[in-house]
Amino acid sequence: MFIIVFVALVLAGGLAGLVYLWDFSRASRYDSLFLPATDRRAQRARRVTGMYVRDYTRREDDLVG
């Protein structure tokens, strides 16, 4: 029983990761970089790829290390 629950959790985590990658790829593919970001998906994709490097304010989702 423990193995079944563990496998289900691993599959759910893998599926969630694939959904996030799919959403990121769609947001970054249809984003025109010379215009302001149109929605939160485009803003998140730009932040992940390093487009907002001049923003020096610390946010709650920044990595500290």
PDB file of N, CA and C in Angstrom:
ATOM      1  N   MET A   1       0.820  -1.192   0.000  1.00  0.00           N
ATOM      2  CA  MET A   1       0.000   0.000   0.000  1.00  0.00           C
ATOM      3  C   MET A   1       0.871   1.265   0.000  1.00  0.00           C
ATOM      4  N   PHE A   2       1.940   1.227   0.788  1.00  0.00           N
ATOM      5  CA  PHE A   2       2.844   2.378   0.853  1.00  0.00           C
ATOM      6  C   PHE A   2       3.487   2.656  -0.503  1.00  0.00           C
ATOM      7  N   ILE A   3       3.828   1.609  -1.213  1.00  0.00           N
ATOM      8  CA  ILE A   3       4.473   1.766  -2.521  1.00  0.00           C
ATOM      9  C   ILE A   3       3.514   2.399  -3.523  1.00  0.00           C
ATOM     10  N   ILE A   4       2.259   2.024  -3.478  1.00  0.00           N
ATOM     11  CA  ILE A   4       1.265   2.580  -4.396  1.00  0.00           C
ATOM     12  C   ILE A   4       1.083   4.072  -4.141  1.00  0.00           C
ATOM     13  N   VAL A   5       1.013   4.463  -2.884  1.00  0.00           N
ATOM     14  CA  VAL A   5       0.861   5.879  -2.543  1.00  0.00           C
ATOM     15  C   VAL A   5       2.106   6.659  -2.971  1.00  0.00           C
ATOM     16  N   PHE A   6       3.275   6.084  -2.745  1.00  0.00           N
ATOM     17  CA  PHE A   6       4.522   6.745  -3.134  1.00  0.00           C
ATOM     18  C   PHE A   6       4.596   6.934  -4.647  1.00  0.00           C
ATOM     19  N   VAL A   7       4.255   5.917  -5.398  1.00  0.00           N
ATOM     20  CA  VAL A   7       4.273   6.011  -6.864  1.00  0.00           C
ATOM     21  C   VAL A   7       3.251   7.041  -7.343  1.00  0.00           C
ATOM     22  N   ALA A   8       2.084   7.075  -6.719  1.00  0.00           N
ATOM     23  CA  ALA A   8       1.067   8.057  -7.103  1.00  0.00           C
ATOM     24  C   ALA A   8       1.555   9.477  -6.837  1.00  0.00           C
ATOM     25  N   LEU A   9       2.227   9.694  -5.714  1.00  0.00           N
ATOM     26  CA  LEU A   9       2.758  11.023  -5.414  1.00  0.00           C
ATOM     27  C   LEU A   9       3.866  11.423  -6.389  1.00  0.00           C
ATOM     28  N   VAL A  10       4.715  10.485  -6.746  1.00  0.00           N
ATOM     29  CA  VAL A  10       5.778  10.775  -7.713  1.00  0.00           C
ATOM     30  C   VAL A  10       5.180  11.103  -9.076  1.00  0.00           C
ATOM     31  N   LEU A  11       4.184  10.354  -9.497  1.00  0.00           N
ATOM     32  CA  LEU A  11       3.536  10.637 -10.782  1.00  0.00           C
ATOM     33  C   LEU A  11       2.822  11.985 -10.769  1.00  0.00           C
ATOM     34  N   ALA A  12       2.169  12.312  -9.665  1.00  0.00           N
ATOM     35  CA  ALA A  12       1.494  13.608  -9.565  1.00  0.00           C
ATOM     36  C   ALA A  12       2.505  14.748  -9.604  1.00  0.00           C
ATOM     37  N   GLY A  13       3.632  14.592  -8.934  1.00  0.00           N
ATOM     38  CA  GLY A  13       4.673  15.616  -8.975  1.00  0.00           C
ATOM     39  C   GLY A  13       5.272  15.767 -10.358  1.00  0.00           C
ATOM     40  N   GLY A  14       5.501  14.660 -11.035  1.00  0.00           N
ATOM     41  CA  GLY A  14       6.023  14.716 -12.401  1.00  0.00           C
ATOM     42  C   GLY A  14       5.043  15.376 -13.353  1.00  0.00           C
ATOM     43  N   LEU A  15       3.766  15.064 -13.196  1.00  0.00           N
ATOM     44  CA  LEU A  15       2.745  15.683 -14.040  1.00  0.00           C
ATOM     45  C   LEU A  15       2.646  17.181 -13.772  1.00  0.00           C
ATOM     46  N   ALA A  16       2.738  17.576 -12.514  1.00  0.00           N
ATOM     47  CA  ALA A  16       2.702  19.006 -12.183  1.00  0.00           C
ATOM     48  C   ALA A  16       3.902  19.726 -12.795  1.00  0.00           C
ATOM     49  N   GLY A  17       5.058  19.098 -12.780  1.00  0.00           N
ATOM     50  CA  GLY A  17       6.236  19.694 -13.407  1.00  0.00           C
ATOM     51  C   GLY A  17       6.076  19.844 -14.905  1.00  0.00           C
ATOM     52  N   LEU A  18       5.491  18.848 -15.543  1.00  0.00           N
ATOM     53  CA  LEU A  18       5.259  18.936 -16.986  1.00  0.00           C
ATOM     54  C   LEU A  18       4.256  20.030 -17.332  1.00  0.00           C
ATOM     55  N   VAL A  19       3.228  20.178 -16.517  1.00  0.00           N
ATOM     56  CA  VAL A  19       2.248  21.241 -16.751  1.00  0.00           C
ATOM     57  C   VAL A  19       2.913  22.608 -16.606  1.00  0.00           C
ATOM     58  N   TYR A  20       3.777  22.757 -15.595  1.00  0.00           N
ATOM     59  CA  TYR A  20       4.480  24.032 -15.414  1.00  0.00           C
ATOM     60  C   TYR A  20       5.395  24.321 -16.605  1.00  0.00           C
ATOM     61  N   LEU A  21       6.118  23.328 -17.088  1.00  0.00           N
ATOM     62  CA  LEU A  21       6.981  23.534 -18.247  1.00  0.00           C
ATOM     63  C   LEU A  21       6.183  23.872 -19.500  1.00  0.00           C
ATOM     64  N   TRP A  22       5.036  23.236 -19.674  1.00  0.00           N
ATOM     65  CA  TRP A  22       4.182  23.531 -20.824  1.00  0.00           C
ATOM     66  C   TRP A  22       3.685  24.973 -20.760  1.00  0.00           C
ATOM     67  N   ASP A  23       3.240  25.413 -19.584  1.00  0.00           N
ATOM     68  CA  ASP A  23       2.755  26.779 -19.419  1.00  0.00           C
ATOM     69  C   ASP A  23       3.882  27.783 -19.651  1.00  0.00           C
ATOM     70  N   PHE A  24       5.064  27.481 -19.135  1.00  0.00           N
ATOM     71  CA  PHE A  24       6.217  28.363 -19.324  1.00  0.00           C
ATOM     72  C   PHE A  24       6.603  28.458 -20.799  1.00  0.00           C
ATOM     73  N   SER A  25       6.601  27.341 -21.501  1.00  0.00           N
ATOM     74  CA  SER A  25       6.995  27.370 -22.911  1.00  0.00           C
ATOM     75  C   SER A  25       5.990  28.138 -23.758  1.00  0.00           C
ATOM     76  N   ARG A  26       4.710  28.005 -23.462  1.00  0.00           N
ATOM     77  CA  ARG A  26       3.708  28.765 -24.214  1.00  0.00           C
ATOM     78  C   ARG A  26       3.819  30.252 -23.926  1.00  0.00           C
ATOM     79  N   ALA A  27       4.063  30.609 -22.662  1.00  0.00           N
ATOM     80  CA  ALA A  27       4.168  32.028 -22.313  1.00  0.00           C
ATOM     81  C   ALA A  27       5.403  32.653 -22.941  1.00  0.00           C
ATOM     82  N   SER A  28       6.507  31.924 -22.961  1.00  0.00           N
ATOM     83  CA  SER A  28       7.727  32.504 -23.517  1.00  0.00           C
ATOM     84  C   SER A  28       7.733  32.468 -25.043  1.00  0.00           C
ATOM     85  N   ARG A  29       7.003  31.574 -25.653  1.00  0.00           N
ATOM     86  CA  ARG A  29       6.976  31.496 -27.116  1.00  0.00           C
ATOM     87  C   ARG A  29       6.178  32.638 -27.727  1.00  0.00           C
ATOM     88  N   TYR A  30       5.043  32.969 -27.145  1.00  0.00           N
ATOM     89  CA  TYR A  30       4.172  33.982 -27.729  1.00  0.00           C
ATOM     90  C   TYR A  30       4.382  35.363 -27.126  1.00  0.00           C
ATOM     91  N   ASP A  31       5.470  35.573 -26.409  1.00  0.00           N
ATOM     92  CA  ASP A  31       5.746  36.857 -25.787  1.00  0.00           C
ATOM     93  C   ASP A  31       6.651  37.669 -26.707  1.00  0.00           C
ATOM     94  N   SER A  32       6.218  38.865 -27.051  1.00  0.00           N
ATOM     95  CA  SER A  32       7.079  39.753 -27.843  1.00  0.00           C
ATOM     96  C   SER A  32       7.892  40.596 -26.868  1.00  0.00           C
ATOM     97  N   LEU A  33       9.198  40.473 -26.954  1.00  0.00           N
ATOM     98  CA  LEU A  33      10.070  41.033 -25.930  1.00  0.00           C
ATOM     99  C   LEU A  33      10.215  42.547 -26.007  1.00  0.00           C
ATOM    100  N   PHE A  34       9.840  43.167 -27.121  1.00  0.00           N
ATOM    101  CA  PHE A  34       9.992  44.613 -27.231  1.00  0.00           C
ATOM    102  C   PHE A  34       8.776  45.366 -26.700  1.00  0.00           C
ATOM    103  N   LEU A  35       7.766  44.674 -26.234  1.00  0.00           N
ATOM    104  CA  LEU A  35       6.582  45.285 -25.635  1.00  0.00           C
ATOM    105  C   LEU A  35       6.521  44.920 -24.155  1.00  0.00           C
ATOM    106  N   PRO A  36       5.777  45.687 -23.364  1.00  0.00           N
ATOM    107  CA  PRO A  36       5.600  45.294 -21.961  1.00  0.00           C
ATOM    108  C   PRO A  36       4.881  43.944 -21.863  1.00  0.00           C
ATOM    109  N   ALA A  37       5.143  43.241 -20.790  1.00  0.00           N
ATOM    110  CA  ALA A  37       4.516  41.929 -20.600  1.00  0.00           C
ATOM    111  C   ALA A  37       3.002  42.090 -20.521  1.00  0.00           C
ATOM    112  N   THR A  38       2.292  41.227 -21.216  1.00  0.00           N
ATOM    113  CA  THR A  38       0.846  41.371 -21.321  1.00  0.00           C
ATOM    114  C   THR A  38       0.093  40.772 -20.146  1.00  0.00           C
ATOM    115  N   ASP A  39       0.623  39.730 -19.547  1.00  0.00           N
ATOM    116  CA  ASP A  39      -0.093  39.085 -18.447  1.00  0.00           C
ATOM    117  C   ASP A  39       0.908  38.500 -17.453  1.00  0.00           C
ATOM    118  N   ARG A  40       0.372  37.868 -16.411  1.00  0.00           N
ATOM    119  CA  ARG A  40       1.226  37.322 -15.354  1.00  0.00           C
ATOM    120  C   ARG A  40       2.074  36.159 -15.854  1.00  0.00           C
ATOM    121  N   ARG A  41       1.561  35.392 -16.810  1.00  0.00           N
ATOM    122  CA  ARG A  41       2.352  34.283 -17.357  1.00  0.00           C
ATOM    123  C   ARG A  41       3.603  34.802 -18.043  1.00  0.00           C
ATOM    124  N   ALA A  42       3.449  35.859 -18.826  1.00  0.00           N
ATOM    125  CA  ALA A  42       4.604  36.436 -19.516  1.00  0.00           C
ATOM    126  C   ALA A  42       5.574  37.064 -18.525  1.00  0.00           C
ATOM    127  N   GLN A  43       5.059  37.704 -17.486  1.00  0.00           N
ATOM    128  CA  GLN A  43       5.938  38.275 -16.463  1.00  0.00           C
ATOM    129  C   GLN A  43       6.727  37.188 -15.750  1.00  0.00           C
ATOM    130  N   ARG A  44       6.064  36.084 -15.419  1.00  0.00           N
ATOM    131  CA  ARG A  44       6.757  34.984 -14.737  1.00  0.00           C
ATOM    132  C   ARG A  44       7.818  34.371 -15.647  1.00  0.00           C
ATOM    133  N   ALA A  45       7.501  34.207 -16.927  1.00  0.00           N
ATOM    134  CA  ALA A  45       8.478  33.647 -17.860  1.00  0.00           C
ATOM    135  C   ALA A  45       9.674  34.577 -18.019  1.00  0.00           C
ATOM    136  N   ARG A  46       9.433  35.875 -18.059  1.00  0.00           N
ATOM    137  CA  ARG A  46      10.546  36.815 -18.160  1.00  0.00           C
ATOM    138  C   ARG A  46      11.388  36.818 -16.890  1.00  0.00           C
ATOM    139  N   ARG A  47      10.754  36.699 -15.739  1.00  0.00           N
ATOM    140  CA  ARG A  47      11.503  36.677 -14.483  1.00  0.00           C
ATOM    141  C   ARG A  47      12.354  35.415 -14.378  1.00  0.00           C
ATOM    142  N   VAL A  48      11.814  34.285 -14.807  1.00  0.00           N
ATOM    143  CA  VAL A  48      12.566  33.027 -14.736  1.00  0.00           C
ATOM    144  C   VAL A  48      13.766  33.061 -15.671  1.00  0.00           C
ATOM    145  N   THR A  49      13.607  33.634 -16.852  1.00  0.00           N
ATOM    146  CA  THR A  49      14.699  33.657 -17.821  1.00  0.00           C
ATOM    147  C   THR A  49      15.679  34.792 -17.594  1.00  0.00           C
ATOM    148  N   GLY A  50      15.416  35.682 -16.633  1.00  0.00           N
ATOM    149  CA  GLY A  50      16.353  36.748 -16.313  1.00  0.00           C
ATOM    150  C   GLY A  50      16.134  38.026 -17.080  1.00  0.00           C
ATOM    151  N   MET A  51      14.962  38.235 -17.617  1.00  0.00           N
ATOM    152  CA  MET A  51      14.700  39.466 -18.358  1.00  0.00           C
ATOM    153  C   MET A  51      14.615  40.671 -17.429  1.00  0.00           C
ATOM    154  N   TYR A  52      14.214  40.473 -16.186  1.00  0.00           N
ATOM    155  CA  TYR A  52      14.055  41.578 -15.247  1.00  0.00           C
ATOM    156  C   TYR A  52      15.274  41.659 -14.338  1.00  0.00           C
ATOM    157  N   VAL A  53      16.434  41.863 -14.899  1.00  0.00           N
ATOM    158  CA  VAL A  53      17.652  41.902 -14.091  1.00  0.00           C
ATOM    159  C   VAL A  53      17.857  43.257 -13.437  1.00  0.00           C
ATOM    160  N   ARG A  54      17.199  44.303 -13.909  1.00  0.00           N
ATOM    161  CA  ARG A  54      17.366  45.628 -13.318  1.00  0.00           C
ATOM    162  C   ARG A  54      16.455  45.855 -12.126  1.00  0.00           C
ATOM    163  N   ASP A  55      15.611  44.925 -11.796  1.00  0.00           N
ATOM    164  CA  ASP A  55      14.695  45.053 -10.675  1.00  0.00           C
ATOM    165  C   ASP A  55      15.416  44.594  -9.411  1.00  0.00           C
ATOM    166  N   TYR A  56      15.862  45.546  -8.597  1.00  0.00           N
ATOM    167  CA  TYR A  56      16.656  45.206  -7.426  1.00  0.00           C
ATOM    168  C   TYR A  56      15.829  45.054  -6.158  1.00  0.00           C
ATOM    169  N   THR A  57      14.528  45.207  -6.231  1.00  0.00           N
ATOM    170  CA  THR A  57      13.714  45.018  -5.036  1.00  0.00           C
ATOM    171  C   THR A  57      13.556  43.535  -4.768  1.00  0.00           C
ATOM    172  N   ARG A  58      13.717  43.144  -3.531  1.00  0.00           N
ATOM    173  CA  ARG A  58      13.609  41.733  -3.168  1.00  0.00           C
ATOM    174  C   ARG A  58      12.136  41.350  -3.069  1.00  0.00           C
ATOM    175  N   ARG A  59      11.817  40.250  -3.661  1.00  0.00           N
ATOM    176  CA  ARG A  59      10.455  39.728  -3.610  1.00  0.00           C
ATOM    177  C   ARG A  59      10.443  38.452  -2.803  1.00  0.00           C
ATOM    178  N   GLU A  60       9.251  37.995  -2.494  1.00  0.00           N
ATOM    179  CA  GLU A  60       9.145  36.789  -1.671  1.00  0.00           C
ATOM    180  C   GLU A  60       9.531  35.528  -2.429  1.00  0.00           C
ATOM    181  N   ASP A  61       9.550  35.572  -3.770  1.00  0.00           N
ATOM    182  CA  ASP A  61       9.905  34.384  -4.537  1.00  0.00           C
ATOM    183  C   ASP A  61      11.359  34.392  -5.000  1.00  0.00           C
ATOM    184  N   ASP A  62      12.167  35.351  -4.524  1.00  0.00           N
ATOM    185  CA  ASP A  62      13.585  35.389  -4.878  1.00  0.00           C
ATOM    186  C   ASP A  62      14.363  34.343  -4.096  1.00  0.00           C
ATOM    187  N   LEU A  63      15.358  33.779  -4.746  1.00  0.00           N
ATOM    188  CA  LEU A  63      16.237  32.831  -4.080  1.00  0.00           C
ATOM    189  C   LEU A  63      17.364  33.588  -3.398  1.00  0.00           C
ATOM    190  N   VAL A  64      17.652  33.198  -2.184  1.00  0.00           N
ATOM    191  CA  VAL A  64      18.735  33.816  -1.426  1.00  0.00           C
ATOM    192  C   VAL A  64      19.762  32.744  -1.160  1.00  0.00           C
ATOM    193  N   GLY A  65      21.009  32.991  -1.537  1.00  0.00           N
ATOM    194  CA  GLY A  65      21.974  31.936  -1.299  1.00  0.00           C
ATOM    195  C   GLY A  65      23.380  32.295  -1.491  1.00  0.00           C
TER     196      GLY A  65
END
